[in-house]
Amino acid sequence: MTAAEPALRVRADDPAYRREAAAEAAFWAQPHMFGLESLERTQADGPAERWMNLRFTGERGTPWEATIARYGRFRRGLVLGTSALGVEARLLATNPELHLTFVDISAGALARRGEQLGARFPGRVRTQAADLNFAALPAETYDVVVSSASIHHVTNLEHLAWQINRTLAADGWFFLQDYVGEPRFQFAAGKRRVLECLLEDATPPEWRCPMRWQDPSDLSPFCGVRSDEVLPVLRAHLREERVRTAGALSVALMRYKRDDPRPLPGPPPLLRAWRALDDGVRRLRGRAPRARSYLPPCLLDDVLRLGDLLADAEVIAPGNAFAVYRKRV
């Protein structure tokens, strides 16, 4: 017996909600400078990305989206929200029979998928503008549903999870990659203190300076509204197969900023020259430059390993997750 559709937390006819939804769509009309769509063009293949791959897939050189083809031959797929064009292109490239329908609140984001992915994979890309808070998905239609860095923008999580389960074919799969930490990236005191201690211990006295945690004013209106509830809600509505997390502290590090106008010491001239040459060659080959870390390698290693160890022990909240689900009958 199929469970009844859950009640909505926000309603489409609420004037306040409609204003926020319009602002959310406008926020993503163009690639945001710190969004995944922009960052993938400026950096890639950094130690944090390789660590996340290892945590998610067991292989430093294998991103999560490259593993989906291992689960079967997929033909009809749905992508809930848009994230990084490179990720979405790999979904199509590694699943050559797959046709994808992209659903997103932003017409601008969808237009870029139609133009760029549509040209590269003709006849295999469709787009549909819709608010995931009120998505009405066809029953038992898709053999694969994917969502990357999008469901943490959804308030009506129970409704969407119910719809995902409903729209999956009997043997369908749902793959999620998303931020699942504290709402609105406002980290718990314990997590903040761990990162503060690591950074203070690794910073020479002459370079210590005031630091500040960013408030949510630079985020889109819907970003992280119920991020910490994503995994529990999906677990309640679908059959969870596996969950892996990564980035408990490295995600927080991105929201912790120096208040010192002095630039940090850069790499020596020979290393700068080598990096410039390497970046140029990668751009000529159509690839993003390598991600550059300005943290000492030992500190970055501590941030990555200790953060996820503490998250595994449930001492602090996780950062990002890669989760695999089946249809719950």
C-alpha atoms as a PDB file:
ATOM      1  CA  MET A   1       0.000   0.000   0.000  1.00  0.00           C
ATOM      2  CA  THR A   2       1.443   3.357  -1.050  1.00  0.00           C
ATOM      3  CA  ALA A   3       1.793   5.945   1.712  1.00  0.00           C
ATOM      4  CA  ALA A   4      -0.302   9.091   1.419  1.00  0.00           C
ATOM      5  CA  GLU A   5       1.413  12.150  -0.015  1.00  0.00           C
ATOM      6  CA  PRO A   6       2.850  14.297   2.813  1.00  0.00           C
ATOM      7  CA  ALA A   7       1.528  17.746   3.670  1.00  0.00           C
ATOM      8  CA  LEU A   8       3.370  20.812   2.376  1.00  0.00           C
ATOM      9  CA  ARG A   9       5.375  23.112   4.639  1.00  0.00           C
ATOM     10  CA  VAL A  10       5.231  26.026   2.196  1.00  0.00           C
ATOM     11  CA  ARG A  11       2.510  26.728  -0.322  1.00  0.00           C
ATOM     12  CA  ALA A  12       2.807  28.155  -3.824  1.00  0.00           C
ATOM     13  CA  ASP A  13       0.033  30.708  -3.245  1.00  0.00           C
ATOM     14  CA  ASP A  14       1.774  32.323  -0.248  1.00  0.00           C
ATOM     15  CA  PRO A  15       2.822  35.849  -1.380  1.00  0.00           C
ATOM     16  CA  ALA A  16       5.949  35.826   0.809  1.00  0.00           C
ATOM     17  CA  TYR A  17       6.998  32.462  -0.598  1.00  0.00           C
ATOM     18  CA  ARG A  18       6.390  33.629  -4.175  1.00  0.00           C
ATOM     19  CA  ARG A  19       8.721  36.593  -3.641  1.00  0.00           C
ATOM     20  CA  GLU A  20      11.448  34.302  -2.301  1.00  0.00           C
ATOM     21  CA  ALA A  21      10.980  31.854  -5.174  1.00  0.00           C
ATOM     22  CA  ALA A  22      11.339  34.663  -7.720  1.00  0.00           C
ATOM     23  CA  ALA A  23      14.519  35.808  -5.978  1.00  0.00           C
ATOM     24  CA  GLU A  24      15.875  32.247  -5.978  1.00  0.00           C
ATOM     25  CA  ALA A  25      15.271  31.880  -9.715  1.00  0.00           C
ATOM     26  CA  ALA A  26      16.904  35.250 -10.395  1.00  0.00           C
ATOM     27  CA  PHE A  27      19.916  34.347  -8.210  1.00  0.00           C
ATOM     28  CA  TRP A  28      20.782  31.450 -10.535  1.00  0.00           C
ATOM     29  CA  ALA A  29      19.819  33.104 -13.829  1.00  0.00           C
ATOM     30  CA  GLN A  30      23.546  33.597 -14.440  1.00  0.00           C
ATOM     31  CA  PRO A  31      26.347  31.400 -13.042  1.00  0.00           C
ATOM     32  CA  HIS A  32      27.081  32.571  -9.509  1.00  0.00           C
ATOM     33  CA  MET A  33      30.767  33.333  -8.892  1.00  0.00           C
ATOM     34  CA  PHE A  34      30.978  30.815  -6.037  1.00  0.00           C
ATOM     35  CA  GLY A  35      28.544  28.272  -7.498  1.00  0.00           C
ATOM     36  CA  LEU A  36      29.649  24.887  -8.813  1.00  0.00           C
ATOM     37  CA  GLU A  37      28.986  25.942 -12.387  1.00  0.00           C
ATOM     38  CA  SER A  38      31.572  28.731 -12.092  1.00  0.00           C
ATOM     39  CA  LEU A  39      34.095  26.962  -9.886  1.00  0.00           C
ATOM     40  CA  GLU A  40      34.424  24.010 -12.251  1.00  0.00           C
ATOM     41  CA  ARG A  41      35.759  26.379 -14.928  1.00  0.00           C
ATOM     42  CA  THR A  42      38.449  27.831 -12.683  1.00  0.00           C
ATOM     43  CA  GLN A  43      39.700  24.873 -10.669  1.00  0.00           C
ATOM     44  CA  ALA A  44      39.632  21.100 -10.574  1.00  0.00           C
ATOM     45  CA  ASP A  45      41.605  18.056  -9.446  1.00  0.00           C
ATOM     46  CA  GLY A  46      42.652  19.498  -6.088  1.00  0.00           C
ATOM     47  CA  PRO A  47      43.454  17.491  -2.950  1.00  0.00           C
ATOM     48  CA  ALA A  48      40.032  18.209  -1.437  1.00  0.00           C
ATOM     49  CA  GLU A  49      38.303  16.896  -4.565  1.00  0.00           C
ATOM     50  CA  ARG A  50      40.469  13.766  -4.600  1.00  0.00           C
ATOM     51  CA  TRP A  51      39.722  13.187  -0.916  1.00  0.00           C
ATOM     52  CA  MET A  52      35.991  13.533  -1.580  1.00  0.00           C
ATOM     53  CA  ASN A  53      36.265  11.031  -4.442  1.00  0.00           C
ATOM     54  CA  LEU A  54      38.016   8.583  -2.122  1.00  0.00           C
ATOM     55  CA  ARG A  55      35.328   8.958   0.521  1.00  0.00           C
ATOM     56  CA  PHE A  56      32.470   8.671  -1.964  1.00  0.00           C
ATOM     57  CA  THR A  57      33.729   6.011  -4.379  1.00  0.00           C
ATOM     58  CA  GLY A  58      36.849   4.478  -2.817  1.00  0.00           C
ATOM     59  CA  GLU A  59      38.999   5.807  -5.682  1.00  0.00           C
ATOM     60  CA  ARG A  60      40.744   9.202  -5.653  1.00  0.00           C
ATOM     61  CA  GLY A  61      40.419   9.590  -9.415  1.00  0.00           C
ATOM     62  CA  THR A  62      36.762   8.539  -9.698  1.00  0.00           C
ATOM     63  CA  PRO A  63      34.031  11.123  -9.030  1.00  0.00           C
ATOM     64  CA  TRP A  64      30.640   9.949  -7.789  1.00  0.00           C
ATOM     65  CA  GLU A  65      28.831  10.549 -11.076  1.00  0.00           C
ATOM     66  CA  ALA A  66      31.212   8.210 -12.925  1.00  0.00           C
ATOM     67  CA  THR A  67      29.982   5.281 -10.802  1.00  0.00           C
ATOM     68  CA  ILE A  68      26.320   5.486 -11.826  1.00  0.00           C
ATOM     69  CA  ALA A  69      26.860   3.413 -14.964  1.00  0.00           C
ATOM     70  CA  ARG A  70      27.963   0.520 -12.726  1.00  0.00           C
ATOM     71  CA  TYR A  71      24.395   0.148 -11.460  1.00  0.00           C
ATOM     72  CA  GLY A  72      22.819  -0.668 -14.824  1.00  0.00           C
ATOM     73  CA  ARG A  73      21.974   0.495 -18.339  1.00  0.00           C
ATOM     74  CA  PHE A  74      19.817   3.570 -17.946  1.00  0.00           C
ATOM     75  CA  ARG A  75      17.672   5.041 -20.703  1.00  0.00           C
ATOM     76  CA  ARG A  76      15.187   7.453 -19.175  1.00  0.00           C
ATOM     77  CA  GLY A  77      16.518   9.785 -16.494  1.00  0.00           C
ATOM     78  CA  LEU A  78      15.490  12.820 -14.481  1.00  0.00           C
ATOM     79  CA  VAL A  79      17.836  15.425 -12.988  1.00  0.00           C
ATOM     80  CA  LEU A  80      16.369  17.419 -10.088  1.00  0.00           C
ATOM     81  CA  GLY A  81      18.050  20.829 -10.049  1.00  0.00           C
ATOM     82  CA  THR A  82      21.166  21.952 -11.865  1.00  0.00           C
ATOM     83  CA  SER A  83      24.702  21.990 -10.485  1.00  0.00           C
ATOM     84  CA  ALA A  84      27.882  21.743 -12.570  1.00  0.00           C
ATOM     85  CA  LEU A  85      27.799  21.300 -16.324  1.00  0.00           C
ATOM     86  CA  GLY A  86      30.857  19.042 -16.171  1.00  0.00           C
ATOM     87  CA  VAL A  87      29.109  16.651 -13.782  1.00  0.00           C
ATOM     88  CA  GLU A  88      25.991  16.626 -15.930  1.00  0.00           C
ATOM     89  CA  ALA A  89      28.017  16.048 -19.095  1.00  0.00           C
ATOM     90  CA  ARG A  90      29.749  13.055 -17.498  1.00  0.00           C
ATOM     91  CA  LEU A  91      26.360  11.570 -16.646  1.00  0.00           C
ATOM     92  CA  LEU A  92      25.473  11.625 -20.332  1.00  0.00           C
ATOM     93  CA  ALA A  93      28.918  10.574 -21.567  1.00  0.00           C
ATOM     94  CA  THR A  94      29.204   7.560 -19.249  1.00  0.00           C
ATOM     95  CA  ASN A  95      25.626   6.409 -19.894  1.00  0.00           C
ATOM     96  CA  PRO A  96      25.394   6.530 -23.709  1.00  0.00           C
ATOM     97  CA  GLU A  97      21.765   5.344 -23.903  1.00  0.00           C
ATOM     98  CA  LEU A  98      20.530   7.820 -21.312  1.00  0.00           C
ATOM     99  CA  HIS A  99      18.107  10.659 -22.113  1.00  0.00           C
ATOM    100  CA  LEU A 100      17.886  13.270 -19.358  1.00  0.00           C
ATOM    101  CA  THR A 101      15.170  15.724 -18.384  1.00  0.00           C
ATOM    102  CA  PHE A 102      16.509  18.611 -16.269  1.00  0.00           C
ATOM    103  CA  VAL A 103      14.058  20.263 -13.857  1.00  0.00           C
ATOM    104  CA  ASP A 104      14.994  23.535 -12.159  1.00  0.00           C
ATOM    105  CA  ILE A 105      13.387  26.722 -10.867  1.00  0.00           C
ATOM    106  CA  SER A 106      15.736  28.921 -12.936  1.00  0.00           C
ATOM    107  CA  ALA A 107      14.999  29.341 -16.643  1.00  0.00           C
ATOM    108  CA  GLY A 108      18.494  30.748 -17.126  1.00  0.00           C
ATOM    109  CA  ALA A 109      20.192  27.663 -15.694  1.00  0.00           C
ATOM    110  CA  LEU A 110      18.009  25.422 -17.853  1.00  0.00           C
ATOM    111  CA  ALA A 111      18.777  27.434 -20.990  1.00  0.00           C
ATOM    112  CA  ARG A 112      22.501  26.834 -20.491  1.00  0.00           C
ATOM    113  CA  ARG A 113      21.867  23.060 -20.254  1.00  0.00           C
ATOM    114  CA  GLY A 114      19.740  23.118 -23.380  1.00  0.00           C
ATOM    115  CA  GLU A 115      22.358  25.041 -25.333  1.00  0.00           C
ATOM    116  CA  GLN A 116      25.589  23.408 -24.145  1.00  0.00           C
ATOM    117  CA  LEU A 117      24.580  19.862 -23.292  1.00  0.00           C
ATOM    118  CA  GLY A 118      21.979  19.783 -26.062  1.00  0.00           C
ATOM    119  CA  ALA A 119      24.635  20.617 -28.644  1.00  0.00           C
ATOM    120  CA  ARG A 120      27.047  18.006 -27.293  1.00  0.00           C
ATOM    121  CA  PHE A 121      24.425  15.272 -26.832  1.00  0.00           C
ATOM    122  CA  PRO A 122      21.792  15.970 -29.503  1.00  0.00           C
ATOM    123  CA  GLY A 123      18.349  14.512 -28.871  1.00  0.00           C
ATOM    124  CA  ARG A 124      19.215  13.409 -25.329  1.00  0.00           C
ATOM    125  CA  VAL A 125      18.511  16.568 -23.283  1.00  0.00           C
ATOM    126  CA  ARG A 126      15.182  18.105 -22.291  1.00  0.00           C
ATOM    127  CA  THR A 127      14.507  20.904 -19.817  1.00  0.00           C
ATOM    128  CA  GLN A 128      11.493  21.781 -17.710  1.00  0.00           C
ATOM    129  CA  ALA A 129      11.076  24.823 -15.472  1.00  0.00           C
ATOM    130  CA  ALA A 130       9.478  23.885 -12.155  1.00  0.00           C
ATOM    131  CA  ASP A 131       9.789  24.540  -8.440  1.00  0.00           C
ATOM    132  CA  LEU A 132      10.972  21.350  -6.711  1.00  0.00           C
ATOM    133  CA  ASN A 133       8.922  22.322  -3.657  1.00  0.00           C
ATOM    134  CA  PHE A 134       5.796  21.516  -5.665  1.00  0.00           C
ATOM    135  CA  ALA A 135       7.066  19.031  -8.262  1.00  0.00           C
ATOM    136  CA  ALA A 136       4.426  16.680  -9.661  1.00  0.00           C
ATOM    137  CA  LEU A 137       6.385  13.795 -11.186  1.00  0.00           C
ATOM    138  CA  PRO A 138       4.810  11.071 -13.350  1.00  0.00           C
ATOM    139  CA  ALA A 139       4.352   7.702 -11.688  1.00  0.00           C
ATOM    140  CA  GLU A 140       6.836   4.843 -12.348  1.00  0.00           C
ATOM    141  CA  THR A 141       8.483   6.616 -15.261  1.00  0.00           C
ATOM    142  CA  TYR A 142      12.245   6.988 -14.714  1.00  0.00           C
ATOM    143  CA  ASP A 143      14.796   4.226 -14.301  1.00  0.00           C
ATOM    144  CA  VAL A 144      17.260   6.739 -12.823  1.00  0.00           C
ATOM    145  CA  VAL A 145      16.834  10.010 -10.932  1.00  0.00           C
ATOM    146  CA  VAL A 146      19.843  12.148 -10.022  1.00  0.00           C
ATOM    147  CA  SER A 147      20.207  15.280  -7.933  1.00  0.00           C
ATOM    148  CA  SER A 148      23.439  17.170  -7.234  1.00  0.00           C
ATOM    149  CA  ALA A 149      23.791  20.155  -4.880  1.00  0.00           C
ATOM    150  CA  SER A 150      20.111  21.032  -5.244  1.00  0.00           C
ATOM    151  CA  ILE A 151      17.846  19.305  -2.706  1.00  0.00           C
ATOM    152  CA  HIS A 152      19.364  21.332   0.154  1.00  0.00           C
ATOM    153  CA  HIS A 153      17.402  24.215  -1.436  1.00  0.00           C
ATOM    154  CA  VAL A 154      14.050  22.457  -0.911  1.00  0.00           C
ATOM    155  CA  THR A 155      11.674  23.186   1.996  1.00  0.00           C
ATOM    156  CA  ASN A 156       8.970  20.655   1.101  1.00  0.00           C
ATOM    157  CA  LEU A 157      11.414  17.768   1.500  1.00  0.00           C
ATOM    158  CA  GLU A 158       8.790  15.191   2.420  1.00  0.00           C
ATOM    159  CA  HIS A 159       6.748  16.056  -0.659  1.00  0.00           C
ATOM    160  CA  LEU A 160       9.762  15.810  -2.975  1.00  0.00           C
ATOM    161  CA  ALA A 161      11.001  12.542  -1.455  1.00  0.00           C
ATOM    162  CA  TRP A 162       7.519  11.050  -1.895  1.00  0.00           C
ATOM    163  CA  GLN A 163       7.464  12.223  -5.513  1.00  0.00           C
ATOM    164  CA  ILE A 164      10.908  10.724  -6.210  1.00  0.00           C
ATOM    165  CA  ASN A 165       9.825   7.358  -4.862  1.00  0.00           C
ATOM    166  CA  ARG A 166       6.621   7.588  -6.908  1.00  0.00           C
ATOM    167  CA  THR A 167       8.351   8.455 -10.182  1.00  0.00           C
ATOM    168  CA  LEU A 168      10.980   5.691 -10.015  1.00  0.00           C
ATOM    169  CA  ALA A 169      10.330   2.593 -12.092  1.00  0.00           C
ATOM    170  CA  ALA A 170      10.127  -0.666 -10.162  1.00  0.00           C
ATOM    171  CA  ASP A 171      13.858  -1.316 -10.648  1.00  0.00           C
ATOM    172  CA  GLY A 172      14.876   2.365 -10.613  1.00  0.00           C
ATOM    173  CA  TRP A 173      17.720   4.061  -8.759  1.00  0.00           C
ATOM    174  CA  PHE A 174      18.048   7.481  -7.135  1.00  0.00           C
ATOM    175  CA  PHE A 175      21.509   9.059  -6.712  1.00  0.00           C
ATOM    176  CA  LEU A 176      22.007  12.060  -4.453  1.00  0.00           C
ATOM    177  CA  GLN A 177      25.082  14.269  -4.029  1.00  0.00           C
ATOM    178  CA  ASP A 178      24.432  17.216  -1.764  1.00  0.00           C
ATOM    179  CA  TYR A 179      25.288  19.377   1.221  1.00  0.00           C
ATOM    180  CA  VAL A 180      23.747  17.787   4.333  1.00  0.00           C
ATOM    181  CA  GLY A 181      25.306  19.832   7.136  1.00  0.00           C
ATOM    182  CA  GLU A 182      23.933  22.614   9.302  1.00  0.00           C
ATOM    183  CA  PRO A 183      21.135  24.783   7.820  1.00  0.00           C
ATOM    184  CA  ARG A 184      22.213  27.913   5.970  1.00  0.00           C
ATOM    185  CA  PHE A 185      25.888  26.964   6.539  1.00  0.00           C
ATOM    186  CA  GLN A 186      25.674  28.268  10.120  1.00  0.00           C
ATOM    187  CA  PHE A 187      27.909  25.694  11.744  1.00  0.00           C
ATOM    188  CA  ALA A 188      27.550  24.358  15.263  1.00  0.00           C
ATOM    189  CA  ALA A 189      29.851  25.754  17.935  1.00  0.00           C
ATOM    190  CA  GLY A 190      31.794  22.492  18.278  1.00  0.00           C
ATOM    191  CA  LYS A 191      32.585  22.304  14.577  1.00  0.00           C
ATOM    192  CA  ARG A 192      33.665  25.939  14.503  1.00  0.00           C
ATOM    193  CA  ARG A 193      35.941  25.457  17.491  1.00  0.00           C
ATOM    194  CA  VAL A 194      37.677  22.411  15.988  1.00  0.00           C
ATOM    195  CA  LEU A 195      38.477  24.334  12.802  1.00  0.00           C
ATOM    196  CA  GLU A 196      39.553  27.438  14.717  1.00  0.00           C
ATOM    197  CA  CYS A 197      41.985  25.375  16.811  1.00  0.00           C
ATOM    198  CA  LEU A 198      43.470  23.656  13.752  1.00  0.00           C
ATOM    199  CA  LEU A 199      44.052  26.944  11.945  1.00  0.00           C
ATOM    200  CA  GLU A 200      45.449  28.767  14.968  1.00  0.00           C
ATOM    201  CA  ASP A 201      47.871  25.954  15.733  1.00  0.00           C
ATOM    202  CA  ALA A 202      49.165  25.890  12.144  1.00  0.00           C
ATOM    203  CA  THR A 203      49.480  29.673  11.660  1.00  0.00           C
ATOM    204  CA  PRO A 204      52.790  31.386  12.551  1.00  0.00           C
ATOM    205  CA  PRO A 205      52.280  34.145  15.157  1.00  0.00           C
ATOM    206  CA  GLU A 206      53.215  36.889  12.681  1.00  0.00           C
ATOM    207  CA  TRP A 207      50.405  35.840  10.330  1.00  0.00           C
ATOM    208  CA  ARG A 208      47.647  35.356  12.885  1.00  0.00           C
ATOM    209  CA  CYS A 209      44.788  37.779  12.429  1.00  0.00           C
ATOM    210  CA  PRO A 210      41.103  38.230  13.277  1.00  0.00           C
ATOM    211  CA  MET A 211      38.862  35.714  11.514  1.00  0.00           C
ATOM    212  CA  ARG A 212      35.118  35.753  11.015  1.00  0.00           C
ATOM    213  CA  TRP A 213      32.407  33.270  10.168  1.00  0.00           C
ATOM    214  CA  GLN A 214      30.211  34.382   7.287  1.00  0.00           C
ATOM    215  CA  ASP A 215      26.524  34.967   7.852  1.00  0.00           C
ATOM    216  CA  PRO A 216      24.000  33.687   5.271  1.00  0.00           C
ATOM    217  CA  SER A 217      23.477  37.076   3.597  1.00  0.00           C
ATOM    218  CA  ASP A 218      25.404  36.047   0.462  1.00  0.00           C
ATOM    219  CA  LEU A 219      23.427  32.828  -0.041  1.00  0.00           C
ATOM    220  CA  SER A 220      20.392  32.363  -2.258  1.00  0.00           C
ATOM    221  CA  PRO A 221      17.052  32.568  -0.388  1.00  0.00           C
ATOM    222  CA  PHE A 222      16.530  28.792  -0.373  1.00  0.00           C
ATOM    223  CA  CYS A 223      20.127  27.669   0.195  1.00  0.00           C
ATOM    224  CA  GLY A 224      20.420  25.193   3.063  1.00  0.00           C
ATOM    225  CA  VAL A 225      16.910  25.765   4.422  1.00  0.00           C
ATOM    226  CA  ARG A 226      16.606  22.166   5.711  1.00  0.00           C
ATOM    227  CA  SER A 227      19.971  20.720   4.714  1.00  0.00           C
ATOM    228  CA  ASP A 228      20.432  18.727   7.920  1.00  0.00           C
ATOM    229  CA  GLU A 229      17.114  16.939   7.315  1.00  0.00           C
ATOM    230  CA  VAL A 230      17.793  15.788   3.746  1.00  0.00           C
ATOM    231  CA  LEU A 231      19.176  12.334   4.615  1.00  0.00           C
ATOM    232  CA  PRO A 232      16.605  11.448   7.327  1.00  0.00           C
ATOM    233  CA  VAL A 233      13.682  12.457   5.091  1.00  0.00           C
ATOM    234  CA  LEU A 234      14.962  10.522   2.086  1.00  0.00           C
ATOM    235  CA  ARG A 235      15.632   7.495   4.324  1.00  0.00           C
ATOM    236  CA  ALA A 236      11.999   7.593   5.447  1.00  0.00           C
ATOM    237  CA  HIS A 237      10.568   7.647   1.910  1.00  0.00           C
ATOM    238  CA  LEU A 238      13.000   5.570  -0.161  1.00  0.00           C
ATOM    239  CA  ARG A 239      15.054   2.434   0.407  1.00  0.00           C
ATOM    240  CA  GLU A 240      18.535   3.569   1.367  1.00  0.00           C
ATOM    241  CA  GLU A 241      21.308   1.436  -0.136  1.00  0.00           C
ATOM    242  CA  ARG A 242      24.432   3.335   0.922  1.00  0.00           C
ATOM    243  CA  VAL A 243      25.512   6.735   2.230  1.00  0.00           C
ATOM    244  CA  ARG A 244      29.020   8.214   2.241  1.00  0.00           C
ATOM    245  CA  THR A 245      29.955  11.648   3.584  1.00  0.00           C
ATOM    246  CA  ALA A 246      32.932  13.978   3.126  1.00  0.00           C
ATOM    247  CA  GLY A 247      34.023  17.525   3.819  1.00  0.00           C
ATOM    248  CA  ALA A 248      32.757  18.036   7.370  1.00  0.00           C
ATOM    249  CA  LEU A 249      35.423  20.674   8.027  1.00  0.00           C
ATOM    250  CA  SER A 250      36.507  21.605   4.508  1.00  0.00           C
ATOM    251  CA  VAL A 251      33.001  22.887   3.731  1.00  0.00           C
ATOM    252  CA  ALA A 252      33.130  24.984   6.907  1.00  0.00           C
ATOM    253  CA  LEU A 253      36.574  26.287   5.943  1.00  0.00           C
ATOM    254  CA  MET A 254      35.013  27.948   2.888  1.00  0.00           C
ATOM    255  CA  ARG A 255      32.862  30.083   5.204  1.00  0.00           C
ATOM    256  CA  TYR A 256      35.693  31.189   7.540  1.00  0.00           C
ATOM    257  CA  LYS A 257      37.416  34.348   6.294  1.00  0.00           C
ATOM    258  CA  ARG A 258      40.436  36.465   7.189  1.00  0.00           C
ATOM    259  CA  ASP A 259      39.803  40.046   8.252  1.00  0.00           C
ATOM    260  CA  ASP A 260      43.446  40.958   7.609  1.00  0.00           C
ATOM    261  CA  PRO A 261      44.058  43.013   4.432  1.00  0.00           C
ATOM    262  CA  ARG A 262      47.623  41.660   4.169  1.00  0.00           C
ATOM    263  CA  PRO A 263      47.947  38.962   1.506  1.00  0.00           C
ATOM    264  CA  LEU A 264      49.154  35.569   2.571  1.00  0.00           C
ATOM    265  CA  PRO A 265      52.702  34.677   1.440  1.00  0.00           C
ATOM    266  CA  GLY A 266      52.555  33.163  -2.014  1.00  0.00           C
ATOM    267  CA  PRO A 267      54.565  30.321  -3.576  1.00  0.00           C
ATOM    268  CA  PRO A 268      58.148  30.938  -4.754  1.00  0.00           C
ATOM    269  CA  PRO A 269      58.688  32.326  -8.310  1.00  0.00           C
ATOM    270  CA  LEU A 270      59.658  28.996  -9.915  1.00  0.00           C
ATOM    271  CA  LEU A 271      56.546  27.295  -8.549  1.00  0.00           C
ATOM    272  CA  ARG A 272      54.366  30.204  -9.718  1.00  0.00           C
ATOM    273  CA  ALA A 273      55.864  29.921 -13.223  1.00  0.00           C
ATOM    274  CA  TRP A 274      55.268  26.158 -13.317  1.00  0.00           C
ATOM    275  CA  ARG A 275      51.660  26.618 -12.187  1.00  0.00           C
ATOM    276  CA  ALA A 276      51.031  29.260 -14.867  1.00  0.00           C
ATOM    277  CA  LEU A 277      52.416  26.929 -17.566  1.00  0.00           C
ATOM    278  CA  ASP A 278      50.400  23.990 -16.249  1.00  0.00           C
ATOM    279  CA  ASP A 279      47.199  26.062 -16.190  1.00  0.00           C
ATOM    280  CA  GLY A 280      47.807  27.239 -19.753  1.00  0.00           C
ATOM    281  CA  VAL A 281      48.302  23.712 -21.061  1.00  0.00           C
ATOM    282  CA  ARG A 282      45.165  22.494 -19.287  1.00  0.00           C
ATOM    283  CA  ARG A 283      43.098  25.333 -20.761  1.00  0.00           C
ATOM    284  CA  LEU A 284      44.379  24.535 -24.266  1.00  0.00           C
ATOM    285  CA  ARG A 285      43.172  20.971 -23.720  1.00  0.00           C
ATOM    286  CA  GLY A 286      39.745  22.214 -22.647  1.00  0.00           C
ATOM    287  CA  ARG A 287      40.274  21.314 -18.982  1.00  0.00           C
ATOM    288  CA  ALA A 288      39.963  23.436 -15.849  1.00  0.00           C
ATOM    289  CA  PRO A 289      43.140  24.492 -14.028  1.00  0.00           C
ATOM    290  CA  ARG A 290      44.103  22.479 -10.989  1.00  0.00           C
ATOM    291  CA  ALA A 291      42.614  23.627  -7.704  1.00  0.00           C
ATOM    292  CA  ARG A 292      45.205  25.506  -5.636  1.00  0.00           C
ATOM    293  CA  SER A 293      45.345  25.142  -1.889  1.00  0.00           C
ATOM    294  CA  TYR A 294      47.022  27.890   0.118  1.00  0.00           C
ATOM    295  CA  LEU A 295      46.988  25.754   3.267  1.00  0.00           C
ATOM    296  CA  PRO A 296      50.089  23.840   4.342  1.00  0.00           C
ATOM    297  CA  PRO A 297      49.643  20.214   3.208  1.00  0.00           C
ATOM    298  CA  CYS A 298      49.742  18.913   6.781  1.00  0.00           C
ATOM    299  CA  LEU A 299      46.973  21.339   7.821  1.00  0.00           C
ATOM    300  CA  LEU A 300      44.800  20.454   4.827  1.00  0.00           C
ATOM    301  CA  ASP A 301      45.286  16.778   5.613  1.00  0.00           C
ATOM    302  CA  ASP A 302      44.139  17.394   9.195  1.00  0.00           C
ATOM    303  CA  VAL A 303      41.113  19.378   8.030  1.00  0.00           C
ATOM    304  CA  LEU A 304      40.053  16.606   5.640  1.00  0.00           C
ATOM    305  CA  ARG A 305      40.820  13.525   7.716  1.00  0.00           C
ATOM    306  CA  LEU A 306      40.007  14.756  11.214  1.00  0.00           C
ATOM    307  CA  GLY A 307      36.797  16.432  10.102  1.00  0.00           C
ATOM    308  CA  ASP A 308      35.401  13.305   8.505  1.00  0.00           C
ATOM    309  CA  LEU A 309      36.589  11.084  11.360  1.00  0.00           C
ATOM    310  CA  LEU A 310      34.644  13.292  13.775  1.00  0.00           C
ATOM    311  CA  ALA A 311      31.616  13.193  11.477  1.00  0.00           C
ATOM    312  CA  ASP A 312      31.808   9.381  11.255  1.00  0.00           C
ATOM    313  CA  ALA A 313      31.877   9.283  15.075  1.00  0.00           C
ATOM    314  CA  GLU A 314      28.826  11.612  15.090  1.00  0.00           C
ATOM    315  CA  VAL A 315      30.737  14.227  17.088  1.00  0.00           C
ATOM    316  CA  ILE A 316      30.124  16.919  14.448  1.00  0.00           C
ATOM    317  CA  ALA A 317      27.693  17.161  11.563  1.00  0.00           C
ATOM    318  CA  PRO A 318      28.843  15.952   8.120  1.00  0.00           C
ATOM    319  CA  GLY A 319      29.455  18.221   5.154  1.00  0.00           C
ATOM    320  CA  ASN A 320      28.549  16.675   1.787  1.00  0.00           C
ATOM    321  CA  ALA A 321      27.034  13.284   1.059  1.00  0.00           C
ATOM    322  CA  PHE A 322      26.753  10.791  -1.789  1.00  0.00           C
ATOM    323  CA  ALA A 323      23.789   8.495  -1.244  1.00  0.00           C
ATOM    324  CA  VAL A 324      22.166   5.722  -3.292  1.00  0.00           C
ATOM    325  CA  TYR A 325      18.505   4.726  -3.020  1.00  0.00           C
ATOM    326  CA  ARG A 326      15.993   2.298  -4.499  1.00  0.00           C
ATOM    327  CA  LYS A 327      12.231   2.553  -4.773  1.00  0.00           C
ATOM    328  CA  ARG A 328      10.382   1.795  -1.553  1.00  0.00           C
ATOM    329  CA  VAL A 329       7.309  -0.313  -2.361  1.00  0.00           C
END
